[in-house]
Amino acid sequence: MAAGPLPGGPGPERAGDRPDPGLVALLSLQLLLLAFFILLTALSQYEQDRVQRVVESVTDAFGVPFESAEPQPLSAGSLGFHEAMKPVAEELRRVAAAALPVRIEIKLHQDGELRIEIPYQALFGLADASPRATVRPLFVTLSRALLGHRFADRAWTLDASSRLAGFPGRGSALERDLAVGRAAAVVRSLAALGLPAERLAAGLLDGPDQSLRLRVRPPAIAAVP
């Protein structure tokens, strides 16, 4: 009687049982690439966080806040206005840091709109409507820029908008009158520096902030509130 194969021993190896070396190499390469891109993403986010912390530290030290631009509708005119306004914003930040004792928020939007928030304590006396002399360098810098060659063919508009003073014990009518008077006084100061009166406007804003907002807008958004 012939003996059969021993039980439990390995059977003959077939070609289909062996892994494809090319497929294994391809999968290994894909895993390495995935790990590499994950590492790059992690490092990129880490560097962005570090840069943001450094920017905030430096700008706090010099009294000029850094703010990211908010998304704004763009047009060909807006892009040109934005490029023309960038050096103006930088010069205003330098002047504000040198001339004023408090932080001035100066923000340039992507559509070219320039916003300047000036705290009342730097701009007015306790119950005064006339601007302090210390803000004159800021007004002069802005006026000279808007009267310069960069904006000679751009129909910009500028509005000065104040907020209710909110002094304790004062009535709402007095607060409103003071706020209106302050915005009008700033407009008169800018007109006295040569800015055309037909492009200037005064207004009121809601909100608790004790500040006045100057806003220079390009023609494309001149009618946007």
N, C-alpha and C. Protein backbone atom coordinates (compact mmCIF):
# COMPACT_ATOMS: atom_id res chain seq x y z
N MET A 1 0.85 -1.20 0.00
CA MET A 1 0.00 0.00 0.00
C MET A 1 0.88 1.24 0.00
N ALA A 2 0.65 2.17 -0.97
CA ALA A 2 1.52 3.35 -1.08
C ALA A 2 1.16 4.38 -0.02
N ALA A 3 2.19 4.97 0.50
CA ALA A 3 1.98 6.00 1.54
C ALA A 3 1.68 7.33 0.88
N GLY A 4 0.70 8.08 1.41
CA GLY A 4 0.38 9.41 0.90
C GLY A 4 1.26 10.49 1.53
N PRO A 5 1.03 11.76 1.21
CA PRO A 5 1.82 12.86 1.78
C PRO A 5 1.57 12.99 3.28
N LEU A 6 2.59 13.38 3.98
CA LEU A 6 2.48 13.55 5.43
C LEU A 6 1.46 14.62 5.77
N PRO A 7 0.56 14.38 6.73
CA PRO A 7 -0.43 15.40 7.09
C PRO A 7 0.22 16.59 7.78
N GLY A 8 -0.34 17.78 7.54
CA GLY A 8 0.12 18.99 8.23
C GLY A 8 1.29 19.66 7.55
N GLY A 9 1.87 19.11 6.56
CA GLY A 9 3.02 19.73 5.90
C GLY A 9 2.57 20.77 4.89
N PRO A 10 3.45 21.73 4.55
CA PRO A 10 3.10 22.76 3.58
C PRO A 10 2.89 22.17 2.20
N GLY A 11 1.86 22.68 1.51
CA GLY A 11 1.60 22.23 0.17
C GLY A 11 2.52 22.92 -0.82
N PRO A 12 2.46 22.55 -2.03
CA PRO A 12 3.32 23.18 -3.03
C PRO A 12 2.91 24.65 -3.25
N GLU A 13 3.87 25.56 -3.32
CA GLU A 13 3.62 26.99 -3.48
C GLU A 13 3.24 27.28 -4.92
N ARG A 14 2.10 28.01 -5.08
CA ARG A 14 1.66 28.37 -6.42
C ARG A 14 2.07 29.80 -6.73
N ALA A 15 2.19 30.12 -8.02
CA ALA A 15 2.63 31.46 -8.44
C ALA A 15 1.63 32.53 -8.01
N GLY A 16 0.33 32.21 -7.96
CA GLY A 16 -0.68 33.21 -7.59
C GLY A 16 -0.69 33.56 -6.13
N ASP A 17 -0.03 32.74 -5.27
CA ASP A 17 0.00 33.02 -3.84
C ASP A 17 1.04 34.06 -3.46
N ARG A 18 2.00 34.36 -4.29
CA ARG A 18 3.07 35.32 -3.99
C ARG A 18 2.59 36.74 -4.28
N PRO A 19 2.88 37.75 -3.39
CA PRO A 19 2.48 39.15 -3.65
C PRO A 19 3.23 39.70 -4.85
N ASP A 20 2.54 40.58 -5.56
CA ASP A 20 3.15 41.23 -6.73
C ASP A 20 4.16 42.27 -6.24
N PRO A 21 5.44 42.13 -6.53
CA PRO A 21 6.44 43.10 -6.04
C PRO A 21 6.16 44.51 -6.53
N GLY A 22 5.70 44.66 -7.74
CA GLY A 22 5.41 46.01 -8.26
C GLY A 22 4.28 46.68 -7.51
N LEU A 23 3.22 45.92 -7.19
CA LEU A 23 2.09 46.48 -6.46
C LEU A 23 2.50 46.88 -5.04
N VAL A 24 3.33 46.04 -4.41
CA VAL A 24 3.80 46.37 -3.06
C VAL A 24 4.62 47.65 -3.08
N ALA A 25 5.49 47.79 -4.08
CA ALA A 25 6.31 49.01 -4.17
C ALA A 25 5.44 50.24 -4.40
N LEU A 26 4.40 50.12 -5.24
CA LEU A 26 3.52 51.25 -5.51
C LEU A 26 2.75 51.68 -4.26
N LEU A 27 2.22 50.68 -3.52
CA LEU A 27 1.50 51.00 -2.29
C LEU A 27 2.42 51.65 -1.26
N SER A 28 3.65 51.16 -1.17
CA SER A 28 4.61 51.74 -0.22
C SER A 28 4.92 53.19 -0.58
N LEU A 29 5.07 53.45 -1.89
CA LEU A 29 5.35 54.82 -2.33
C LEU A 29 4.18 55.75 -2.03
N GLN A 30 2.95 55.27 -2.24
CA GLN A 30 1.78 56.10 -1.94
C GLN A 30 1.68 56.41 -0.45
N LEU A 31 1.99 55.42 0.39
CA LEU A 31 1.95 55.67 1.83
C LEU A 31 3.01 56.69 2.24
N LEU A 32 4.20 56.60 1.62
CA LEU A 32 5.27 57.57 1.91
C LEU A 32 4.86 58.98 1.48
N LEU A 33 4.23 59.08 0.30
CA LEU A 33 3.78 60.39 -0.17
C LEU A 33 2.70 60.96 0.74
N LEU A 34 1.78 60.10 1.19
CA LEU A 34 0.74 60.56 2.10
C LEU A 34 1.33 61.09 3.40
N ALA A 35 2.29 60.34 3.95
CA ALA A 35 2.95 60.78 5.18
C ALA A 35 3.70 62.09 4.96
N PHE A 36 4.31 62.25 3.78
CA PHE A 36 5.05 63.47 3.47
C PHE A 36 4.12 64.68 3.40
N PHE A 37 2.96 64.54 2.74
CA PHE A 37 2.03 65.66 2.64
C PHE A 37 1.40 66.00 3.98
N ILE A 38 1.15 64.99 4.81
CA ILE A 38 0.64 65.26 6.15
C ILE A 38 1.66 66.07 6.95
N LEU A 39 2.93 65.70 6.81
CA LEU A 39 3.99 66.43 7.51
C LEU A 39 4.08 67.87 7.01
N LEU A 40 3.99 68.06 5.69
CA LEU A 40 4.04 69.42 5.14
C LEU A 40 2.89 70.27 5.65
N THR A 41 1.69 69.68 5.69
CA THR A 41 0.52 70.43 6.18
C THR A 41 0.69 70.84 7.63
N ALA A 42 1.20 69.90 8.43
CA ALA A 42 1.40 70.21 9.86
C ALA A 42 2.43 71.32 10.04
N LEU A 43 3.53 71.25 9.29
CA LEU A 43 4.57 72.27 9.40
C LEU A 43 4.06 73.62 8.91
N SER A 44 3.28 73.62 7.83
CA SER A 44 2.74 74.87 7.29
C SER A 44 1.85 75.56 8.30
N GLN A 45 0.94 74.82 8.94
CA GLN A 45 0.06 75.40 9.94
C GLN A 45 0.85 75.92 11.13
N TYR A 46 1.89 75.18 11.52
CA TYR A 46 2.73 75.60 12.63
C TYR A 46 3.42 76.92 12.31
N GLU A 47 3.96 77.04 11.08
CA GLU A 47 4.64 78.27 10.71
C GLU A 47 3.66 79.45 10.64
N GLN A 48 2.44 79.21 10.12
CA GLN A 48 1.46 80.28 10.08
C GLN A 48 1.14 80.78 11.48
N ASP A 49 0.99 79.87 12.42
CA ASP A 49 0.71 80.27 13.80
C ASP A 49 1.86 81.08 14.37
N ARG A 50 3.09 80.65 14.08
CA ARG A 50 4.25 81.38 14.58
C ARG A 50 4.32 82.78 13.99
N VAL A 51 4.08 82.89 12.66
CA VAL A 51 4.11 84.19 12.01
C VAL A 51 3.05 85.11 12.59
N GLN A 52 1.83 84.57 12.81
CA GLN A 52 0.76 85.39 13.36
C GLN A 52 1.11 85.91 14.75
N ARG A 53 1.75 85.04 15.57
CA ARG A 53 2.13 85.48 16.92
C ARG A 53 3.21 86.56 16.86
N VAL A 54 4.15 86.41 15.93
CA VAL A 54 5.21 87.41 15.80
C VAL A 54 4.63 88.75 15.35
N VAL A 55 3.73 88.70 14.35
CA VAL A 55 3.10 89.93 13.85
C VAL A 55 2.34 90.64 14.95
N GLU A 56 1.56 89.87 15.72
CA GLU A 56 0.79 90.49 16.79
C GLU A 56 1.70 91.09 17.85
N SER A 57 2.81 90.42 18.16
CA SER A 57 3.73 90.93 19.16
C SER A 57 4.37 92.24 18.71
N VAL A 58 4.83 92.27 17.45
CA VAL A 58 5.50 93.46 16.94
C VAL A 58 4.53 94.63 16.83
N THR A 59 3.34 94.37 16.29
CA THR A 59 2.39 95.47 16.12
C THR A 59 1.87 96.00 17.45
N ASP A 60 1.75 95.12 18.45
CA ASP A 60 1.37 95.59 19.77
C ASP A 60 2.46 96.49 20.35
N ALA A 61 3.71 96.13 20.11
CA ALA A 61 4.83 96.91 20.65
C ALA A 61 4.88 98.30 20.03
N PHE A 62 4.53 98.40 18.72
CA PHE A 62 4.58 99.69 18.05
C PHE A 62 3.25 100.42 18.05
N GLY A 63 2.21 99.83 18.64
CA GLY A 63 0.94 100.51 18.76
C GLY A 63 0.11 100.55 17.50
N VAL A 64 0.42 99.69 16.52
CA VAL A 64 -0.35 99.67 15.28
C VAL A 64 -0.85 98.25 15.07
N PRO A 65 -2.15 98.00 15.18
CA PRO A 65 -2.66 96.64 15.08
C PRO A 65 -2.60 96.09 13.67
N PHE A 66 -2.38 94.81 13.55
CA PHE A 66 -2.42 94.13 12.26
C PHE A 66 -3.74 93.40 12.15
N GLU A 67 -4.40 93.57 11.03
CA GLU A 67 -5.67 92.89 10.82
C GLU A 67 -5.69 92.34 9.41
N SER A 68 -6.18 91.14 9.29
CA SER A 68 -6.31 90.54 7.98
C SER A 68 -7.41 91.22 7.21
N ALA A 69 -7.21 91.31 5.90
CA ALA A 69 -8.22 91.93 5.04
C ALA A 69 -9.47 91.07 4.97
N GLU A 70 -10.61 91.70 5.06
CA GLU A 70 -11.86 90.98 4.93
C GLU A 70 -12.17 90.77 3.45
N PRO A 71 -12.86 89.67 3.09
CA PRO A 71 -13.24 89.47 1.70
C PRO A 71 -14.15 90.60 1.22
N GLN A 72 -13.82 91.16 0.08
CA GLN A 72 -14.58 92.25 -0.48
C GLN A 72 -14.81 92.01 -1.97
N PRO A 73 -15.91 92.52 -2.54
CA PRO A 73 -16.11 92.40 -3.98
C PRO A 73 -15.04 93.18 -4.73
N LEU A 74 -14.51 92.59 -5.78
CA LEU A 74 -13.41 93.19 -6.52
C LEU A 74 -13.86 93.60 -7.92
N SER A 75 -13.23 94.61 -8.43
CA SER A 75 -13.40 95.01 -9.81
C SER A 75 -12.07 95.56 -10.28
N ALA A 76 -11.95 95.81 -11.58
CA ALA A 76 -10.69 96.34 -12.09
C ALA A 76 -10.37 97.68 -11.44
N GLY A 77 -11.42 98.54 -11.26
CA GLY A 77 -11.19 99.82 -10.61
C GLY A 77 -10.81 99.66 -9.16
N SER A 78 -11.40 98.68 -8.48
CA SER A 78 -11.09 98.46 -7.07
C SER A 78 -9.66 98.01 -6.88
N LEU A 79 -9.19 97.12 -7.77
CA LEU A 79 -7.81 96.64 -7.67
C LEU A 79 -6.83 97.79 -7.83
N GLY A 80 -7.09 98.68 -8.78
CA GLY A 80 -6.21 99.83 -8.97
C GLY A 80 -6.24 100.77 -7.79
N PHE A 81 -7.42 100.97 -7.21
CA PHE A 81 -7.56 101.84 -6.05
C PHE A 81 -6.84 101.25 -4.85
N HIS A 82 -6.93 99.94 -4.69
CA HIS A 82 -6.24 99.27 -3.58
C HIS A 82 -4.74 99.47 -3.68
N GLU A 83 -4.17 99.29 -4.86
CA GLU A 83 -2.73 99.47 -5.03
C GLU A 83 -2.31 100.91 -4.77
N ALA A 84 -3.15 101.87 -5.19
CA ALA A 84 -2.83 103.27 -4.94
C ALA A 84 -2.93 103.62 -3.46
N MET A 85 -3.82 102.93 -2.75
CA MET A 85 -4.06 103.25 -1.35
C MET A 85 -3.07 102.58 -0.40
N LYS A 86 -2.40 101.52 -0.83
CA LYS A 86 -1.49 100.80 0.08
C LYS A 86 -0.40 101.69 0.68
N PRO A 87 0.35 102.47 -0.14
CA PRO A 87 1.37 103.33 0.49
C PRO A 87 0.77 104.40 1.38
N VAL A 88 -0.46 104.84 1.09
CA VAL A 88 -1.12 105.84 1.93
C VAL A 88 -1.41 105.24 3.31
N ALA A 89 -1.92 104.01 3.33
CA ALA A 89 -2.20 103.36 4.61
C ALA A 89 -0.93 103.19 5.44
N GLU A 90 0.16 102.80 4.78
CA GLU A 90 1.42 102.63 5.51
C GLU A 90 1.91 103.95 6.08
N GLU A 91 1.82 105.02 5.30
CA GLU A 91 2.26 106.33 5.79
C GLU A 91 1.38 106.80 6.94
N LEU A 92 0.09 106.56 6.85
CA LEU A 92 -0.80 106.95 7.95
C LEU A 92 -0.48 106.18 9.23
N ARG A 93 -0.12 104.91 9.10
CA ARG A 93 0.26 104.13 10.29
C ARG A 93 1.52 104.72 10.93
N ARG A 94 2.48 105.12 10.11
CA ARG A 94 3.71 105.71 10.67
C ARG A 94 3.41 107.03 11.37
N VAL A 95 2.60 107.86 10.73
CA VAL A 95 2.27 109.16 11.32
C VAL A 95 1.50 108.98 12.62
N ALA A 96 0.52 108.05 12.61
CA ALA A 96 -0.29 107.82 13.81
C ALA A 96 0.57 107.32 14.96
N ALA A 97 1.49 106.41 14.68
CA ALA A 97 2.35 105.87 15.73
C ALA A 97 3.26 106.94 16.31
N ALA A 98 3.68 107.90 15.47
CA ALA A 98 4.61 108.94 15.94
C ALA A 98 3.89 110.10 16.61
N ALA A 99 2.67 110.43 16.17
CA ALA A 99 2.03 111.66 16.63
C ALA A 99 0.98 111.46 17.70
N LEU A 100 0.38 110.27 17.77
CA LEU A 100 -0.75 110.07 18.67
C LEU A 100 -0.40 109.11 19.80
N PRO A 101 -0.90 109.36 21.00
CA PRO A 101 -0.53 108.54 22.16
C PRO A 101 -1.33 107.25 22.29
N VAL A 102 -2.35 107.06 21.47
CA VAL A 102 -3.19 105.88 21.58
C VAL A 102 -3.17 105.13 20.25
N ARG A 103 -3.66 103.91 20.30
CA ARG A 103 -3.68 103.06 19.12
C ARG A 103 -4.75 103.53 18.13
N ILE A 104 -4.36 103.66 16.89
CA ILE A 104 -5.27 104.03 15.81
C ILE A 104 -5.43 102.82 14.90
N GLU A 105 -6.65 102.40 14.68
CA GLU A 105 -6.90 101.26 13.80
C GLU A 105 -7.01 101.74 12.36
N ILE A 106 -6.11 101.26 11.51
CA ILE A 106 -6.10 101.62 10.10
C ILE A 106 -6.17 100.33 9.30
N LYS A 107 -7.25 100.17 8.54
CA LYS A 107 -7.47 98.92 7.82
C LYS A 107 -7.77 99.21 6.36
N LEU A 108 -7.08 98.51 5.46
CA LEU A 108 -7.29 98.64 4.03
C LEU A 108 -7.93 97.36 3.51
N HIS A 109 -9.12 97.49 2.96
CA HIS A 109 -9.83 96.33 2.42
C HIS A 109 -9.34 96.01 1.02
N GLN A 110 -9.66 94.80 0.58
CA GLN A 110 -9.25 94.37 -0.75
C GLN A 110 -9.85 95.22 -1.85
N ASP A 111 -11.02 95.77 -1.62
CA ASP A 111 -11.65 96.59 -2.65
C ASP A 111 -11.13 98.01 -2.67
N GLY A 112 -10.16 98.31 -1.81
CA GLY A 112 -9.56 99.64 -1.78
C GLY A 112 -10.12 100.57 -0.73
N GLU A 113 -11.17 100.17 -0.03
CA GLU A 113 -11.73 101.03 1.01
C GLU A 113 -10.78 101.12 2.20
N LEU A 114 -10.50 102.35 2.61
CA LEU A 114 -9.63 102.61 3.75
C LEU A 114 -10.47 103.06 4.93
N ARG A 115 -10.29 102.40 6.08
CA ARG A 115 -11.01 102.76 7.30
C ARG A 115 -10.01 103.15 8.38
N ILE A 116 -10.30 104.26 9.03
CA ILE A 116 -9.45 104.75 10.12
C ILE A 116 -10.35 104.98 11.33
N GLU A 117 -10.11 104.25 12.40
CA GLU A 117 -10.87 104.41 13.64
C GLU A 117 -10.01 105.20 14.64
N ILE A 118 -10.49 106.38 15.01
CA ILE A 118 -9.74 107.26 15.91
C ILE A 118 -10.51 107.37 17.22
N PRO A 119 -9.94 106.90 18.34
CA PRO A 119 -10.63 107.01 19.63
C PRO A 119 -10.88 108.47 19.99
N TYR A 120 -12.00 108.71 20.64
CA TYR A 120 -12.35 110.06 21.03
C TYR A 120 -11.29 110.69 21.93
N GLN A 121 -10.66 109.89 22.78
CA GLN A 121 -9.69 110.46 23.71
C GLN A 121 -8.50 111.06 22.99
N ALA A 122 -8.19 110.58 21.77
CA ALA A 122 -7.12 111.17 20.98
C ALA A 122 -7.61 112.29 20.10
N LEU A 123 -8.91 112.31 19.82
CA LEU A 123 -9.45 113.24 18.83
C LEU A 123 -10.11 114.46 19.44
N PHE A 124 -10.75 114.30 20.60
CA PHE A 124 -11.51 115.41 21.20
C PHE A 124 -11.23 115.50 22.70
N GLY A 125 -11.51 116.70 23.23
CA GLY A 125 -11.57 116.85 24.68
C GLY A 125 -12.84 116.20 25.21
N LEU A 126 -13.02 116.24 26.52
CA LEU A 126 -14.12 115.51 27.15
C LEU A 126 -15.48 115.84 26.56
N ALA A 127 -15.77 117.11 26.38
CA ALA A 127 -17.07 117.52 25.83
C ALA A 127 -16.89 118.46 24.65
N ASP A 128 -15.74 118.36 23.97
CA ASP A 128 -15.44 119.25 22.84
C ASP A 128 -15.87 118.62 21.53
N ALA A 129 -16.19 119.47 20.58
CA ALA A 129 -16.52 119.01 19.24
C ALA A 129 -15.39 119.26 18.26
N SER A 130 -14.50 120.17 18.59
CA SER A 130 -13.39 120.50 17.68
C SER A 130 -12.24 119.52 17.88
N PRO A 131 -11.64 119.02 16.79
CA PRO A 131 -10.53 118.07 16.92
C PRO A 131 -9.31 118.69 17.60
N ARG A 132 -8.57 117.87 18.31
CA ARG A 132 -7.34 118.31 18.94
C ARG A 132 -6.29 118.62 17.87
N ALA A 133 -5.32 119.45 18.23
CA ALA A 133 -4.24 119.77 17.30
C ALA A 133 -3.34 118.56 17.04
N THR A 134 -3.33 117.59 17.97
CA THR A 134 -2.43 116.44 17.82
C THR A 134 -2.82 115.54 16.64
N VAL A 135 -4.08 115.62 16.18
CA VAL A 135 -4.48 114.78 15.05
C VAL A 135 -4.26 115.47 13.71
N ARG A 136 -3.81 116.70 13.74
CA ARG A 136 -3.60 117.43 12.48
C ARG A 136 -2.61 116.72 11.55
N PRO A 137 -1.47 116.18 12.07
CA PRO A 137 -0.56 115.48 11.15
C PRO A 137 -1.24 114.31 10.40
N LEU A 138 -2.16 113.63 11.08
CA LEU A 138 -2.87 112.54 10.41
C LEU A 138 -3.77 113.08 9.31
N PHE A 139 -4.50 114.16 9.59
CA PHE A 139 -5.38 114.76 8.60
C PHE A 139 -4.57 115.32 7.42
N VAL A 140 -3.45 115.94 7.72
CA VAL A 140 -2.61 116.51 6.66
C VAL A 140 -2.08 115.42 5.74
N THR A 141 -1.63 114.32 6.33
CA THR A 141 -1.09 113.21 5.53
C THR A 141 -2.17 112.63 4.62
N LEU A 142 -3.36 112.42 5.15
CA LEU A 142 -4.45 111.88 4.35
C LEU A 142 -4.86 112.85 3.25
N SER A 143 -4.96 114.12 3.57
CA SER A 143 -5.38 115.11 2.58
C SER A 143 -4.37 115.24 1.45
N ARG A 144 -3.10 115.30 1.79
CA ARG A 144 -2.07 115.41 0.75
C ARG A 144 -2.08 114.19 -0.18
N ALA A 145 -2.31 113.02 0.41
CA ALA A 145 -2.34 111.81 -0.42
C ALA A 145 -3.51 111.85 -1.40
N LEU A 146 -4.70 112.23 -0.92
CA LEU A 146 -5.87 112.23 -1.78
C LEU A 146 -5.81 113.35 -2.83
N LEU A 147 -5.05 114.39 -2.56
CA LEU A 147 -4.87 115.46 -3.53
C LEU A 147 -3.69 115.21 -4.47
N GLY A 148 -2.96 114.11 -4.23
CA GLY A 148 -1.78 113.82 -5.04
C GLY A 148 -2.10 113.18 -6.37
N HIS A 149 -1.05 112.87 -7.13
CA HIS A 149 -1.22 112.37 -8.49
C HIS A 149 -1.85 110.98 -8.53
N ARG A 150 -1.66 110.17 -7.46
CA ARG A 150 -2.22 108.81 -7.47
C ARG A 150 -3.74 108.82 -7.57
N PHE A 151 -4.37 109.86 -7.05
CA PHE A 151 -5.83 109.90 -7.01
C PHE A 151 -6.40 111.03 -7.87
N ALA A 152 -5.59 111.56 -8.76
CA ALA A 152 -6.05 112.67 -9.59
C ALA A 152 -7.22 112.27 -10.48
N ASP A 153 -7.24 111.03 -10.96
CA ASP A 153 -8.32 110.59 -11.86
C ASP A 153 -9.22 109.56 -11.19
N ARG A 154 -9.27 109.53 -9.85
CA ARG A 154 -10.12 108.58 -9.14
C ARG A 154 -11.14 109.35 -8.31
N ALA A 155 -12.40 109.06 -8.56
CA ALA A 155 -13.48 109.81 -7.90
C ALA A 155 -13.78 109.22 -6.52
N TRP A 156 -12.86 109.37 -5.59
CA TRP A 156 -13.02 108.84 -4.24
C TRP A 156 -14.06 109.66 -3.48
N THR A 157 -14.58 109.10 -2.40
CA THR A 157 -15.41 109.82 -1.45
C THR A 157 -14.88 109.56 -0.04
N LEU A 158 -15.10 110.50 0.85
CA LEU A 158 -14.63 110.36 2.24
C LEU A 158 -15.76 110.77 3.17
N ASP A 159 -16.04 109.91 4.15
CA ASP A 159 -17.04 110.29 5.15
C ASP A 159 -16.46 110.12 6.55
N ALA A 160 -16.85 111.03 7.42
CA ALA A 160 -16.48 110.99 8.84
C ALA A 160 -17.73 110.66 9.63
N SER A 161 -17.74 109.52 10.32
CA SER A 161 -18.92 109.07 11.05
C SER A 161 -18.57 108.90 12.52
N SER A 162 -19.34 109.55 13.36
CA SER A 162 -19.10 109.48 14.80
C SER A 162 -20.15 108.60 15.46
N ARG A 163 -19.89 108.28 16.72
CA ARG A 163 -20.82 107.49 17.52
C ARG A 163 -21.27 108.32 18.72
N LEU A 164 -22.38 107.95 19.32
CA LEU A 164 -22.88 108.71 20.46
C LEU A 164 -21.85 108.73 21.58
N ALA A 165 -21.70 109.88 22.18
CA ALA A 165 -20.64 110.04 23.17
C ALA A 165 -20.83 109.12 24.37
N GLY A 166 -22.08 108.95 24.83
CA GLY A 166 -22.35 108.02 25.93
C GLY A 166 -21.81 108.45 27.28
N PHE A 167 -21.72 109.75 27.54
CA PHE A 167 -21.26 110.20 28.85
C PHE A 167 -22.33 109.93 29.90
N PRO A 168 -21.96 109.44 31.10
CA PRO A 168 -22.95 109.21 32.16
C PRO A 168 -23.65 110.51 32.54
N GLY A 169 -24.96 110.43 32.71
CA GLY A 169 -25.71 111.59 33.14
C GLY A 169 -26.15 112.51 32.03
N ARG A 170 -25.71 112.27 30.80
CA ARG A 170 -26.13 113.12 29.70
C ARG A 170 -27.38 112.56 29.03
N GLY A 171 -28.21 113.44 28.52
CA GLY A 171 -29.40 113.02 27.81
C GLY A 171 -29.06 112.57 26.40
N SER A 172 -29.95 111.79 25.79
CA SER A 172 -29.70 111.26 24.46
C SER A 172 -29.61 112.37 23.42
N ALA A 173 -30.41 113.45 23.59
CA ALA A 173 -30.37 114.55 22.63
C ALA A 173 -29.01 115.24 22.67
N LEU A 174 -28.46 115.44 23.86
CA LEU A 174 -27.15 116.06 23.98
C LEU A 174 -26.07 115.16 23.38
N GLU A 175 -26.19 113.88 23.63
CA GLU A 175 -25.22 112.95 23.06
C GLU A 175 -25.24 113.00 21.54
N ARG A 176 -26.45 113.00 20.99
CA ARG A 176 -26.57 113.02 19.53
C ARG A 176 -26.03 114.32 18.94
N ASP A 177 -26.34 115.43 19.59
CA ASP A 177 -25.86 116.72 19.10
C ASP A 177 -24.34 116.77 19.13
N LEU A 178 -23.74 116.24 20.20
CA LEU A 178 -22.29 116.25 20.30
C LEU A 178 -21.66 115.37 19.23
N ALA A 179 -22.26 114.19 19.00
CA ALA A 179 -21.73 113.28 17.98
C ALA A 179 -21.81 113.90 16.60
N VAL A 180 -22.95 114.52 16.28
CA VAL A 180 -23.10 115.18 14.98
C VAL A 180 -22.10 116.32 14.84
N GLY A 181 -21.95 117.10 15.90
CA GLY A 181 -21.01 118.21 15.86
C GLY A 181 -19.57 117.76 15.65
N ARG A 182 -19.21 116.63 16.24
CA ARG A 182 -17.85 116.12 16.07
C ARG A 182 -17.59 115.67 14.64
N ALA A 183 -18.54 114.94 14.06
CA ALA A 183 -18.36 114.49 12.68
C ALA A 183 -18.28 115.69 11.73
N ALA A 184 -19.14 116.69 11.95
CA ALA A 184 -19.13 117.87 11.10
C ALA A 184 -17.82 118.65 11.25
N ALA A 185 -17.30 118.72 12.47
CA ALA A 185 -16.05 119.45 12.70
C ALA A 185 -14.88 118.78 11.99
N VAL A 186 -14.86 117.45 11.97
CA VAL A 186 -13.79 116.74 11.27
C VAL A 186 -13.88 116.99 9.77
N VAL A 187 -15.11 116.98 9.23
CA VAL A 187 -15.29 117.26 7.80
C VAL A 187 -14.81 118.67 7.48
N ARG A 188 -15.13 119.63 8.32
CA ARG A 188 -14.67 121.01 8.09
C ARG A 188 -13.15 121.09 8.14
N SER A 189 -12.53 120.35 9.04
CA SER A 189 -11.07 120.36 9.14
C SER A 189 -10.43 119.80 7.87
N LEU A 190 -11.00 118.73 7.32
CA LEU A 190 -10.47 118.15 6.09
C LEU A 190 -10.71 119.07 4.89
N ALA A 191 -11.87 119.74 4.86
CA ALA A 191 -12.14 120.69 3.77
C ALA A 191 -11.17 121.87 3.84
N ALA A 192 -10.82 122.30 5.07
CA ALA A 192 -9.88 123.42 5.22
C ALA A 192 -8.49 123.04 4.71
N LEU A 193 -8.18 121.75 4.65
CA LEU A 193 -6.90 121.30 4.14
C LEU A 193 -6.90 121.12 2.62
N GLY A 194 -8.01 121.47 1.97
CA GLY A 194 -8.05 121.46 0.52
C GLY A 194 -8.87 120.38 -0.12
N LEU A 195 -9.42 119.43 0.67
CA LEU A 195 -10.23 118.38 0.07
C LEU A 195 -11.55 118.96 -0.42
N PRO A 196 -12.01 118.56 -1.61
CA PRO A 196 -13.25 119.13 -2.15
C PRO A 196 -14.46 118.78 -1.29
N ALA A 197 -15.23 119.78 -0.94
CA ALA A 197 -16.36 119.60 -0.04
C ALA A 197 -17.41 118.65 -0.60
N GLU A 198 -17.55 118.60 -1.94
CA GLU A 198 -18.58 117.73 -2.53
C GLU A 198 -18.25 116.25 -2.39
N ARG A 199 -17.02 115.93 -2.02
CA ARG A 199 -16.66 114.53 -1.82
C ARG A 199 -16.63 114.14 -0.35
N LEU A 200 -16.97 115.06 0.52
CA LEU A 200 -16.92 114.82 1.96
C LEU A 200 -18.34 114.71 2.52
N ALA A 201 -18.49 113.88 3.55
CA ALA A 201 -19.80 113.72 4.19
C ALA A 201 -19.59 113.37 5.65
N ALA A 202 -20.58 113.72 6.48
CA ALA A 202 -20.57 113.39 7.91
C ALA A 202 -21.76 112.49 8.21
N GLY A 203 -21.61 111.65 9.23
CA GLY A 203 -22.69 110.74 9.57
C GLY A 203 -22.57 110.21 10.98
N LEU A 204 -23.51 109.34 11.34
CA LEU A 204 -23.55 108.69 12.64
C LEU A 204 -23.50 107.18 12.45
N LEU A 205 -22.89 106.49 13.42
CA LEU A 205 -22.81 105.04 13.42
C LEU A 205 -23.40 104.50 14.72
N ASP A 206 -23.95 103.30 14.64
CA ASP A 206 -24.39 102.62 15.85
C ASP A 206 -23.20 101.93 16.51
N GLY A 207 -23.39 101.55 17.76
CA GLY A 207 -22.35 100.81 18.45
C GLY A 207 -21.79 101.55 19.64
N PRO A 208 -21.23 100.81 20.61
CA PRO A 208 -20.76 101.41 21.84
C PRO A 208 -19.34 101.99 21.76
N ASP A 209 -18.63 101.76 20.67
CA ASP A 209 -17.24 102.22 20.58
C ASP A 209 -17.16 103.74 20.67
N GLN A 210 -16.22 104.21 21.46
CA GLN A 210 -16.01 105.64 21.60
C GLN A 210 -14.94 106.08 20.60
N SER A 211 -15.35 106.13 19.34
CA SER A 211 -14.40 106.48 18.29
C SER A 211 -15.12 107.07 17.09
N LEU A 212 -14.35 107.75 16.26
CA LEU A 212 -14.85 108.30 15.01
C LEU A 212 -14.20 107.54 13.86
N ARG A 213 -14.98 107.22 12.85
CA ARG A 213 -14.48 106.46 11.71
C ARG A 213 -14.35 107.35 10.48
N LEU A 214 -13.13 107.39 9.92
CA LEU A 214 -12.92 107.99 8.60
C LEU A 214 -12.91 106.86 7.59
N ARG A 215 -13.64 107.06 6.50
CA ARG A 215 -13.72 106.02 5.49
C ARG A 215 -13.56 106.63 4.11
N VAL A 216 -12.49 106.20 3.41
CA VAL A 216 -12.26 106.63 2.03
C VAL A 216 -12.64 105.47 1.12
N ARG A 217 -13.54 105.75 0.17
CA ARG A 217 -14.07 104.67 -0.66
C ARG A 217 -13.84 104.95 -2.14
N PRO A 218 -13.55 103.90 -2.91
CA PRO A 218 -13.39 104.06 -4.36
C PRO A 218 -14.74 104.23 -5.03
N PRO A 219 -14.76 104.65 -6.29
CA PRO A 219 -16.03 104.91 -6.97
C PRO A 219 -16.94 103.69 -7.03
N ALA A 220 -16.37 102.48 -7.14
CA ALA A 220 -17.19 101.28 -7.32
C ALA A 220 -18.10 101.01 -6.15
N ILE A 221 -17.74 101.47 -4.94
CA ILE A 221 -18.56 101.21 -3.75
C ILE A 221 -18.97 102.51 -3.08
N ALA A 222 -18.95 103.60 -3.82
CA ALA A 222 -19.27 104.89 -3.22
C ALA A 222 -20.68 104.94 -2.68
N ALA A 223 -21.59 104.12 -3.25
CA ALA A 223 -22.98 104.17 -2.81
C ALA A 223 -23.31 103.11 -1.78
N VAL A 224 -22.31 102.27 -1.38
CA VAL A 224 -22.57 101.21 -0.42
C VAL A 224 -22.54 101.79 0.98
N PRO A 225 -23.53 101.53 1.86
CA PRO A 225 -23.53 102.12 3.21
C PRO A 225 -22.46 101.48 4.07
